[in-house]
């Protein structure tokens, strides 16, 4: 299977120094830093956002949705671990789909990932602003200065160098994870199972009961919120070109990241809902803090968790900026997007890949202030990429069984098939939650497809790693036919 066209072809019209001016710093990250990166992508989702799924499906509905989305992510990351060991480049999912599904498949996958990683930091900057304002820090009454500070300071750290950036992310993530564990211990001391299902039952909903107050459809509607416990972990392979021994390091980091996130998700979900009650936290902007407020009164521990929530948001914002810059770098280096966006600095940082998405993210945050909707747009892009990356694993297993695979996915195509089915279900579920966000994402997608169809598909760069990898496959197939 290939999503290719006769007129889609790589070109060689680039100078000898083309790739030299587009080089990342090699060997900057080991498996521990990459594991921290995988957790950093996601950790803010434990502090806020997931609880809105309680309003969609109740405790039981969100619990089932979280379990199914956990299965989807687990199956997908095992598939990505194999793919990243085969093709360890900064293109990540785009590179995998390029080999399996052709240029169109690569572009559609890479664009969906880019939508996720440009919109999510913009949304999180708004949440950081809300946290700073609610904590009364710096005497601010508006979040806009915080949005600007986030993009300027944290992009500046990324421009300094990838090693320094990942170490900073690791420390902040460690603080956020430690606070989650402290929160869970404290919240479980007030755990009461009867509080889990205290949301009123919608008697008109099919299959509704105390555990599924919105009925069976509520499970499906809660899918996007179940994703918030894991959203972003698939970005680990984007660090491939800056990793020590990527064929071994990436699979290990992906597996450890997912294992840690599953533990944090279960602890956070049960402790929060059981300490204060599902009804009390379903609409809270800071559910963990609410869970630690008996009778609505603030405690010393709730204030600590509030500050830790800010650390979690910073960790996710910082790491998602990194992921977006690497995806943009890879797409532009290969000619799918304007090539100048892949230029790197003397410190081997893709400076335009950091600055351009950062400017767009700040503009969106400052002009709309609607973090929830931007995050829903990001989720829509994410589900498209999940489906295409899972499909890529299936296609490569079927079409190229002899391809050298230093790591092999447990369960093979059955594992990636489960991820594909659940990703498609999650994609449809986004329309149940926010139709407007889904339509916005489709509009952005349509513009990008128009650009690729009209121009960039005829100007791909043959020497880009992902294009060379695909060309090698085409040459081998041609030899087999002869």
Protein backbone atom coordinates (compact mmCIF):
# COMPACT_ATOMS: atom_id res chain seq x y z
CA UNK A 1 0.00 0.00 0.00
CA UNK A 2 1.30 3.45 -0.84
CA UNK A 3 -0.14 6.94 -0.86
CA UNK A 4 2.06 8.12 -3.71
CA UNK A 5 1.40 9.89 -7.00
CA UNK A 6 3.24 9.97 -10.28
CA UNK A 7 4.12 13.63 -9.88
CA UNK A 8 5.38 13.31 -6.32
CA UNK A 9 9.13 12.93 -6.48
CA UNK A 10 12.28 13.99 -4.64
CA UNK A 11 14.64 16.42 -6.29
CA UNK A 12 18.34 17.00 -5.98
CA UNK A 13 18.48 20.75 -6.55
CA UNK A 14 20.33 21.55 -3.34
CA UNK A 15 23.93 22.60 -2.75
CA UNK A 16 26.66 20.42 -1.30
CA UNK A 17 26.35 22.14 2.08
CA UNK A 18 22.57 21.69 2.31
CA UNK A 19 22.60 19.02 5.02
CA UNK A 20 25.64 20.53 6.78
CA UNK A 21 23.56 23.62 7.50
CA UNK A 22 20.77 21.40 8.84
CA UNK A 23 22.49 19.23 11.43
CA UNK A 24 21.43 18.53 14.99
CA UNK A 25 23.81 17.84 17.88
CA UNK A 26 24.48 14.11 17.95
CA UNK A 27 24.64 11.96 21.08
CA UNK A 28 23.24 14.54 23.48
CA UNK A 29 20.67 12.31 25.21
CA UNK A 30 20.69 8.89 26.83
CA UNK A 31 17.72 6.73 27.75
CA UNK A 32 17.19 8.40 31.14
CA UNK A 33 16.87 11.91 29.70
CA UNK A 34 14.59 10.58 26.96
CA UNK A 35 12.41 8.82 29.52
CA UNK A 36 12.13 12.13 31.33
CA UNK A 37 11.24 13.78 28.04
CA UNK A 38 8.45 11.24 27.44
CA UNK A 39 6.98 11.88 30.89
CA UNK A 40 7.43 15.65 30.53
CA UNK A 41 5.29 15.70 27.38
CA UNK A 42 2.37 14.35 29.38
CA UNK A 43 2.69 15.23 33.07
CA UNK A 44 0.60 18.41 32.91
CA UNK A 45 -2.35 16.25 31.86
CA UNK A 46 -2.31 14.62 35.31
CA UNK A 47 -2.77 18.00 36.96
CA UNK A 48 -5.71 19.27 34.92
CA UNK A 49 -7.94 18.58 31.95
CA UNK A 50 -8.66 14.87 32.40
CA UNK A 51 -11.32 15.59 35.03
CA UNK A 52 -13.65 17.21 32.47
CA UNK A 53 -14.18 13.67 31.23
CA UNK A 54 -16.13 13.02 34.44
CA UNK A 55 -18.80 15.38 33.12
CA UNK A 56 -18.91 13.39 29.88
CA UNK A 57 -18.99 9.85 31.25
CA UNK A 58 -18.88 9.85 35.05
CA UNK A 59 -16.29 7.90 37.02
CA UNK A 60 -17.03 4.60 35.31
CA UNK A 61 -17.20 6.09 31.83
CA UNK A 62 -13.94 8.00 32.20
CA UNK A 63 -12.31 5.01 33.87
CA UNK A 64 -13.17 2.75 30.94
CA UNK A 65 -12.12 5.46 28.47
CA UNK A 66 -8.80 5.91 30.28
CA UNK A 67 -8.18 2.14 30.20
CA UNK A 68 -8.97 1.89 26.48
CA UNK A 69 -6.84 4.91 25.64
CA UNK A 70 -4.07 3.45 27.79
CA UNK A 71 -4.27 0.27 25.70
CA UNK A 72 -4.18 2.38 22.52
CA UNK A 73 -1.08 4.27 23.63
CA UNK A 74 0.65 1.14 24.90
CA UNK A 75 0.07 -0.66 21.60
CA UNK A 76 1.13 2.41 19.65
CA UNK A 77 4.34 3.07 21.58
CA UNK A 78 5.40 -0.56 21.21
CA UNK A 79 4.87 -0.14 17.47
CA UNK A 80 6.78 3.15 17.48
CA UNK A 81 9.61 1.52 19.42
CA UNK A 82 10.10 -0.89 16.53
CA UNK A 83 9.79 1.79 13.87
CA UNK A 84 12.20 4.13 15.65
CA UNK A 85 14.81 1.36 15.84
CA UNK A 86 14.48 0.92 12.06
CA UNK A 87 14.55 4.62 11.17
CA UNK A 88 16.09 6.75 13.96
CA UNK A 89 15.67 10.24 12.47
CA UNK A 90 14.13 13.50 13.66
CA UNK A 91 11.13 12.88 11.41
CA UNK A 92 9.61 10.41 13.83
CA UNK A 93 6.12 9.44 12.71
CA UNK A 94 6.47 11.32 9.43
CA UNK A 95 9.52 9.27 8.51
CA UNK A 96 7.81 5.99 9.33
CA UNK A 97 4.73 6.87 7.27
CA UNK A 98 6.92 8.14 4.40
CA UNK A 99 8.47 4.69 4.02
CA UNK A 100 5.20 2.81 4.41
CA UNK A 101 2.63 5.08 2.76
CA UNK A 102 4.60 7.26 0.35
CA UNK A 103 5.05 11.05 0.27
CA UNK A 104 1.35 11.80 0.75
CA UNK A 105 1.17 9.49 3.74
CA UNK A 106 4.31 11.03 5.22
CA UNK A 107 3.01 14.55 4.73
CA UNK A 108 -0.42 13.81 6.21
CA UNK A 109 1.17 12.17 9.25
CA UNK A 110 3.77 14.88 9.79
CA UNK A 111 1.21 17.67 9.43
CA UNK A 112 -1.12 16.04 11.97
CA UNK A 113 1.78 15.75 14.43
CA UNK A 114 2.72 19.37 13.79
CA UNK A 115 -0.84 20.53 14.51
CA UNK A 116 -0.65 18.74 17.85
CA UNK A 117 2.74 20.15 18.82
CA UNK A 118 2.04 23.74 17.78
CA UNK A 119 -1.42 24.01 19.36
CA UNK A 120 -0.70 22.16 22.61
CA UNK A 121 2.05 24.54 23.85
CA UNK A 122 -0.18 27.53 23.04
CA UNK A 123 -2.95 25.99 25.14
CA UNK A 124 -0.61 25.13 28.00
CA UNK A 125 0.81 28.68 28.06
CA UNK A 126 -2.74 29.86 28.75
CA UNK A 127 -3.07 27.36 31.59
CA UNK A 128 0.27 28.54 33.01
CA UNK A 129 -1.03 32.10 32.89
CA UNK A 130 -4.19 31.05 34.73
CA UNK A 131 -2.12 29.29 37.40
CA UNK A 132 0.17 32.28 37.91
CA UNK A 133 -2.83 34.59 38.16
CA UNK A 134 -4.71 32.33 40.60
CA UNK A 135 -1.62 31.99 42.79
CA UNK A 136 -1.26 35.79 42.91
CA UNK A 137 2.31 35.69 41.64
CA UNK A 138 4.03 38.90 40.51
CA UNK A 139 0.79 40.83 41.05
CA UNK A 140 -0.40 39.96 37.54
CA UNK A 141 -4.05 40.37 36.60
CA UNK A 142 -3.64 39.24 32.99
CA UNK A 143 -2.09 36.10 31.56
CA UNK A 144 -0.61 37.71 28.43
CA UNK A 145 2.74 38.70 30.01
CA UNK A 146 3.05 35.11 31.20
CA UNK A 147 2.40 33.74 27.69
CA UNK A 148 5.15 35.97 26.32
CA UNK A 149 7.57 35.08 29.10
CA UNK A 150 6.97 31.36 28.56
CA UNK A 151 7.79 31.49 24.86
CA UNK A 152 10.76 33.83 25.23
CA UNK A 153 12.45 32.14 28.19
CA UNK A 154 11.89 28.52 27.28
CA UNK A 155 12.61 28.91 23.58
CA UNK A 156 15.79 30.69 24.67
CA UNK A 157 16.84 27.63 26.68
CA UNK A 158 16.20 25.41 23.66
CA UNK A 159 18.33 27.71 21.50
CA UNK A 160 21.12 27.31 24.04
CA UNK A 161 21.39 23.58 23.27
CA UNK A 162 19.51 20.31 23.38
CA UNK A 163 21.55 18.78 26.21
CA UNK A 164 20.92 21.75 28.50
CA UNK A 165 17.25 21.83 27.48
CA UNK A 166 16.64 18.15 28.24
CA UNK A 167 18.38 18.39 31.61
CA UNK A 168 16.22 21.38 32.55
CA UNK A 169 13.12 19.47 31.48
CA UNK A 170 14.22 16.43 33.49
CA UNK A 171 14.57 18.42 36.72
CA UNK A 172 11.21 20.20 36.38
CA UNK A 173 9.50 16.94 35.46
CA UNK A 174 11.01 15.25 38.51
CA UNK A 175 9.50 17.94 40.75
CA UNK A 176 6.07 17.50 39.14
CA UNK A 177 6.16 13.68 39.43
CA UNK A 178 7.33 13.78 43.06
CA UNK A 179 4.45 16.12 43.89
CA UNK A 180 1.97 13.75 42.21
CA UNK A 181 3.19 10.90 44.41
CA UNK A 182 2.93 13.05 47.56
CA UNK A 183 -0.56 14.10 46.48
CA UNK A 184 -1.66 10.50 45.98
CA UNK A 185 -0.45 9.44 49.44
CA UNK A 186 -2.28 12.37 51.07
CA UNK A 187 -5.48 11.98 49.04
CA UNK A 188 -5.76 8.24 49.71
CA UNK A 189 -5.96 8.97 53.45
CA UNK A 190 -9.40 10.52 52.72
CA UNK A 191 -10.44 7.94 50.13
CA UNK A 192 -14.11 6.93 50.16
CA UNK A 193 -15.34 4.60 47.43
CA UNK A 194 -18.89 5.96 47.72
CA UNK A 195 -17.66 9.33 46.43
CA UNK A 196 -16.53 7.88 43.12
CA UNK A 197 -20.03 7.58 41.67
CA UNK A 198 -21.72 10.66 43.17
CA UNK A 199 -22.56 12.30 39.82
CA UNK A 200 -26.36 12.32 39.22
CA UNK A 201 -27.60 9.72 36.74
CA UNK A 202 -29.09 10.85 33.42
CA UNK A 203 -32.09 8.52 33.40
CA UNK A 204 -32.72 9.17 29.71
CA UNK A 205 -29.28 7.91 28.63
CA UNK A 206 -28.99 4.36 27.29
CA UNK A 207 -27.33 2.05 29.80
CA UNK A 208 -27.11 4.73 32.50
CA UNK A 209 -26.43 3.74 36.11
CA UNK A 210 -24.51 5.12 39.07
CA UNK A 211 -21.14 4.11 37.54
CA UNK A 212 -22.11 5.23 34.04
CA UNK A 213 -24.32 8.26 34.77
CA UNK A 214 -24.28 9.38 31.10
CA UNK A 215 -24.79 5.88 29.77
CA UNK A 216 -22.71 3.89 27.34
CA UNK A 217 -22.24 6.82 24.95
CA UNK A 218 -20.53 8.66 27.79
CA UNK A 219 -17.62 6.21 27.58
CA UNK A 220 -17.01 7.20 23.97
CA UNK A 221 -17.39 10.92 24.70
CA UNK A 222 -14.77 10.59 27.45
CA UNK A 223 -12.12 9.17 25.07
CA UNK A 224 -10.38 12.53 24.41
CA UNK A 225 -10.10 13.14 28.17
CA UNK A 226 -8.76 9.67 28.81
CA UNK A 227 -6.07 10.55 26.27
CA UNK A 228 -4.88 13.47 28.42
CA UNK A 229 -3.13 11.02 30.75
CA UNK A 230 -0.88 9.96 27.85
CA UNK A 231 -1.08 12.64 25.14
CA UNK A 232 2.38 13.46 23.76
CA UNK A 233 4.40 10.39 24.79
CA UNK A 234 4.62 9.43 21.12
CA UNK A 235 7.02 12.36 20.65
CA UNK A 236 10.04 10.51 22.09
CA UNK A 237 11.28 9.31 18.63
CA UNK A 238 11.60 12.94 17.51
CA UNK A 239 14.82 13.08 19.54
CA UNK A 240 16.36 10.25 17.50
CA UNK A 241 19.12 12.24 15.79
CA UNK A 242 20.27 13.69 19.12
CA UNK A 243 20.33 10.35 20.93
CA UNK A 244 23.15 8.00 21.89
CA UNK A 245 22.70 4.61 20.17
CA UNK A 246 19.11 5.40 19.08
CA UNK A 247 18.27 1.86 17.91
CA UNK A 248 18.57 0.66 21.51
CA UNK A 249 17.93 3.84 23.49
CA UNK A 250 14.63 4.92 21.92
CA UNK A 251 12.68 1.68 22.47
CA UNK A 252 13.87 1.54 26.08
CA UNK A 253 12.92 5.15 26.80
CA UNK A 254 9.51 4.79 25.14
CA UNK A 255 8.65 1.70 27.20
CA UNK A 256 9.77 3.25 30.49
CA UNK A 257 7.93 6.50 29.79
CA UNK A 258 4.69 4.64 29.15
CA UNK A 259 5.08 2.48 32.27
CA UNK A 260 5.57 5.54 34.49
CA UNK A 261 2.62 7.34 32.91
CA UNK A 262 0.27 4.39 33.49
CA UNK A 263 1.16 4.34 37.20
CA UNK A 264 0.68 8.10 37.52
CA UNK A 265 -2.64 7.99 35.66
CA UNK A 266 -4.15 5.30 37.90
CA UNK A 267 -2.95 6.95 41.11
CA UNK A 268 -4.12 10.42 40.08
CA UNK A 269 -7.53 9.29 38.83
CA UNK A 270 -8.43 7.15 41.84
CA UNK A 271 -6.99 9.44 44.51
CA UNK A 272 -8.61 12.61 43.15
CA UNK A 273 -12.06 11.14 42.61
CA UNK A 274 -12.14 9.20 45.87
CA UNK A 275 -10.85 11.96 48.14
CA UNK A 276 -13.34 14.71 47.30
CA UNK A 277 -15.83 13.05 44.97
CA UNK A 278 -16.26 12.97 41.20
CA UNK A 279 -18.97 15.64 41.26
CA UNK A 280 -16.77 18.11 43.15
CA UNK A 281 -13.82 17.93 40.74
CA UNK A 282 -15.52 17.36 37.36
CA UNK A 283 -15.43 21.05 36.43
CA UNK A 284 -12.38 22.19 38.41
CA UNK A 285 -9.47 23.87 36.68
CA UNK A 286 -7.14 22.36 39.29
CA UNK A 287 -8.76 19.06 40.35
CA UNK A 288 -5.85 17.87 42.49
CA UNK A 289 -5.97 21.02 44.57
CA UNK A 290 -9.75 20.69 44.96
CA UNK A 291 -9.32 17.09 46.06
CA UNK A 292 -7.12 18.26 48.95
CA UNK A 293 -9.54 20.94 50.17
CA UNK A 294 -11.85 19.42 52.80
CA UNK A 295 -14.96 21.56 52.93
CA UNK A 296 -13.42 23.81 50.27
CA UNK A 297 -10.71 25.10 52.63
CA UNK A 298 -7.12 25.46 51.41
CA UNK A 299 -4.42 23.50 53.21
CA UNK A 300 -0.65 23.71 53.22
CA UNK A 301 -0.48 20.57 51.08
CA UNK A 302 -3.03 21.87 48.57
CA UNK A 303 -0.91 25.00 48.12
CA UNK A 304 2.19 22.88 47.53
CA UNK A 305 0.33 20.81 44.92
CA UNK A 306 -0.87 24.03 43.31
CA UNK A 307 2.71 25.17 42.81
CA UNK A 308 3.71 21.71 41.64
CA UNK A 309 0.93 21.89 39.07
CA UNK A 310 2.65 24.95 37.69
CA UNK A 311 5.88 22.92 37.44
CA UNK A 312 4.00 20.18 35.56
CA UNK A 313 2.61 22.67 33.08
CA UNK A 314 6.07 24.17 32.54
CA UNK A 315 7.55 20.70 31.94
CA UNK A 316 4.94 19.83 29.30
CA UNK A 317 5.14 23.24 27.65
CA UNK A 318 8.91 23.06 27.47
CA UNK A 319 9.04 19.55 26.03
CA UNK A 320 6.25 20.12 23.50
CA UNK A 321 8.13 23.15 22.17
CA UNK A 322 11.06 20.79 21.61
CA UNK A 323 8.90 18.19 19.84
CA UNK A 324 7.26 20.72 17.56
CA UNK A 325 10.59 22.19 16.50
CA UNK A 326 11.99 18.76 15.58
CA UNK A 327 8.94 17.78 13.55
CA UNK A 328 9.03 21.09 11.69
CA UNK A 329 12.79 20.70 11.19
CA UNK A 330 12.39 17.25 9.61
CA UNK A 331 9.49 18.22 7.33
CA UNK A 332 11.23 21.36 6.06
CA UNK A 333 14.61 19.65 5.65
CA UNK A 334 12.93 17.18 3.30
CA UNK A 335 11.13 19.95 1.40
CA UNK A 336 7.58 19.26 2.56
CA UNK A 337 7.55 22.71 4.15
CA UNK A 338 9.70 25.75 3.21
CA UNK A 339 13.32 24.63 3.45
CA UNK A 340 14.67 27.66 5.30
CA UNK A 341 12.75 26.53 8.40
CA UNK A 342 15.25 23.68 8.89
CA UNK A 343 18.39 25.82 9.19
CA UNK A 344 20.34 25.20 12.39
CA UNK A 345 22.51 27.53 14.46
CA UNK A 346 26.14 27.15 15.51
CA UNK A 347 24.85 25.31 18.59
CA UNK A 348 23.00 22.89 16.27
CA UNK A 349 19.53 24.12 17.25
CA UNK A 350 16.82 24.57 14.58
CA UNK A 351 16.32 28.22 15.47
CA UNK A 352 13.58 29.01 12.95
CA UNK A 353 11.88 25.71 13.83
CA UNK A 354 11.70 27.06 17.37
CA UNK A 355 10.93 30.73 16.70
CA UNK A 356 8.24 30.40 14.01
CA UNK A 357 5.96 27.95 15.89
CA UNK A 358 6.63 29.94 19.06
CA UNK A 359 5.44 33.16 17.42
CA UNK A 360 2.33 31.39 16.11
CA UNK A 361 1.64 29.86 19.52
CA UNK A 362 1.98 33.16 21.34
CA UNK A 363 -0.27 34.91 18.82
CA UNK A 364 -2.95 32.24 19.26
CA UNK A 365 -2.73 32.33 23.05
CA UNK A 366 -2.81 36.13 23.27
CA UNK A 367 -5.62 36.58 20.74
CA UNK A 368 -8.00 33.81 21.84
CA UNK A 369 -7.27 32.88 25.45
CA UNK A 370 -9.18 29.65 24.78
CA UNK A 371 -6.82 26.94 25.95
CA UNK A 372 -9.44 24.18 26.08
CA UNK A 373 -10.40 24.60 22.44
CA UNK A 374 -6.79 24.71 21.26
CA UNK A 375 -6.09 21.55 23.19
CA UNK A 376 -9.10 19.90 21.53
CA UNK A 377 -7.69 20.91 18.12
CA UNK A 378 -4.37 19.37 19.16
CA UNK A 379 -6.12 16.14 20.19
CA UNK A 380 -7.81 15.95 16.77
CA UNK A 381 -4.44 16.20 15.02
CA UNK A 382 -2.96 13.65 17.39
CA UNK A 383 -5.61 11.01 16.68
CA UNK A 384 -5.05 11.31 12.92
CA UNK A 385 -1.32 10.80 13.38
CA UNK A 386 -1.89 7.81 15.68
CA UNK A 387 -4.02 6.06 13.08
CA UNK A 388 -1.49 6.69 10.30
CA UNK A 389 1.54 5.66 12.40
CA UNK A 390 -0.18 2.43 13.45
CA UNK A 391 -1.10 1.77 9.83
CA UNK A 392 2.53 2.37 8.85
CA UNK A 393 3.67 -0.37 11.22
CA UNK A 394 1.16 -2.81 9.74
CA UNK A 395 2.13 -1.98 6.15
CA UNK A 396 5.88 -2.30 6.76
CA UNK A 397 5.45 -5.61 8.57
CA UNK A 398 3.40 -6.98 5.66
CA UNK A 399 5.35 -5.48 2.77
CA UNK A 400 8.92 -5.66 4.14
CA UNK A 401 9.10 -8.63 6.51
CA UNK A 402 12.86 -8.93 5.95
CA UNK A 403 13.64 -5.35 7.04
CA UNK A 404 16.23 -5.31 9.82
CA UNK A 405 14.44 -4.57 13.09
CA UNK A 406 16.72 -4.22 16.15
CA UNK A 407 13.55 -4.15 18.28
CA UNK A 408 10.34 -6.01 17.42
CA UNK A 409 6.88 -5.08 18.69
CA UNK A 410 5.37 -7.74 20.98
CA UNK A 411 2.31 -9.13 19.21
CA UNK A 412 3.36 -7.75 15.83
CA UNK A 413 0.58 -6.41 13.60
CA UNK A 414 -2.08 -7.44 16.10
CA UNK A 415 -0.69 -4.86 18.52
CA UNK A 416 -0.63 -2.05 15.93
CA UNK A 417 -4.08 -3.10 14.66
CA UNK A 418 -5.54 -2.56 18.13
CA UNK A 419 -3.93 0.89 18.22
CA UNK A 420 -5.35 1.68 14.76
CA UNK A 421 -8.93 0.74 15.68
CA UNK A 422 -8.86 2.67 18.96
CA UNK A 423 -7.25 5.71 17.30
CA UNK A 424 -10.07 5.83 14.73
CA UNK A 425 -12.62 5.57 17.55
CA UNK A 426 -10.89 8.43 19.41
CA UNK A 427 -10.88 10.54 16.23
CA UNK A 428 -14.66 10.20 15.89
CA UNK A 429 -15.07 10.92 19.62
CA UNK A 430 -13.53 14.38 19.17
CA UNK A 431 -16.66 15.38 17.24
CA UNK A 432 -18.76 14.38 20.26
CA UNK A 433 -16.83 16.76 22.50
CA UNK A 434 -16.08 19.85 20.36
CA UNK A 435 -17.26 19.94 16.75
CA UNK A 436 -15.83 23.43 16.26
CA UNK A 437 -12.33 22.34 17.29
CA UNK A 438 -12.49 19.37 14.92
CA UNK A 439 -13.57 21.63 12.04
CA UNK A 440 -10.77 24.11 12.81
CA UNK A 441 -8.24 21.28 12.65
CA UNK A 442 -9.72 20.06 9.36
CA UNK A 443 -9.45 23.61 7.97
CA UNK A 444 -5.75 23.86 8.89
CA UNK A 445 -5.22 20.41 7.42
CA UNK A 446 -6.92 21.44 4.16
CA UNK A 447 -4.65 24.49 3.76
CA UNK A 448 -1.55 22.37 4.36
CA UNK A 449 -2.71 19.73 1.87
CA UNK A 450 -3.31 22.45 -0.71
CA UNK A 451 0.28 23.69 -0.29
CA UNK A 452 1.70 20.20 -0.61
CA UNK A 453 -0.42 19.28 -3.60
CA UNK A 454 0.24 22.51 -5.48
CA UNK A 455 3.93 22.97 -4.73
CA UNK A 456 6.07 21.06 -2.27
CA UNK A 457 5.40 17.51 -3.48
CA UNK A 458 7.38 18.42 -6.61
CA UNK A 459 10.28 19.90 -4.61
CA UNK A 460 11.23 17.21 -2.10
CA UNK A 461 14.88 16.83 -1.12
CA UNK A 462 16.28 13.46 -2.17
CA UNK A 463 19.17 13.56 0.32
CA UNK A 464 17.02 14.05 3.42
CA UNK A 465 17.35 10.92 5.61
CA UNK A 466 13.66 10.00 5.43
CA UNK A 467 13.64 10.38 1.63
CA UNK A 468 16.81 8.32 1.23
CA UNK A 469 15.30 5.60 3.40
CA UNK A 470 12.19 5.49 1.21
CA UNK A 471 14.24 5.61 -2.01
CA UNK A 472 16.25 2.62 -0.81
CA UNK A 473 13.05 0.66 -0.35
CA UNK A 474 11.87 1.60 -3.83
CA UNK A 475 15.20 0.54 -5.35
CA UNK A 476 15.12 -2.80 -3.56
CA UNK A 477 11.57 -3.42 -4.75
CA UNK A 478 12.61 -2.60 -8.32
CA UNK A 479 15.49 -5.07 -8.16
CA UNK A 480 13.15 -7.78 -6.89
CA UNK A 481 10.77 -7.18 -9.80
CA UNK A 482 13.66 -7.44 -12.29
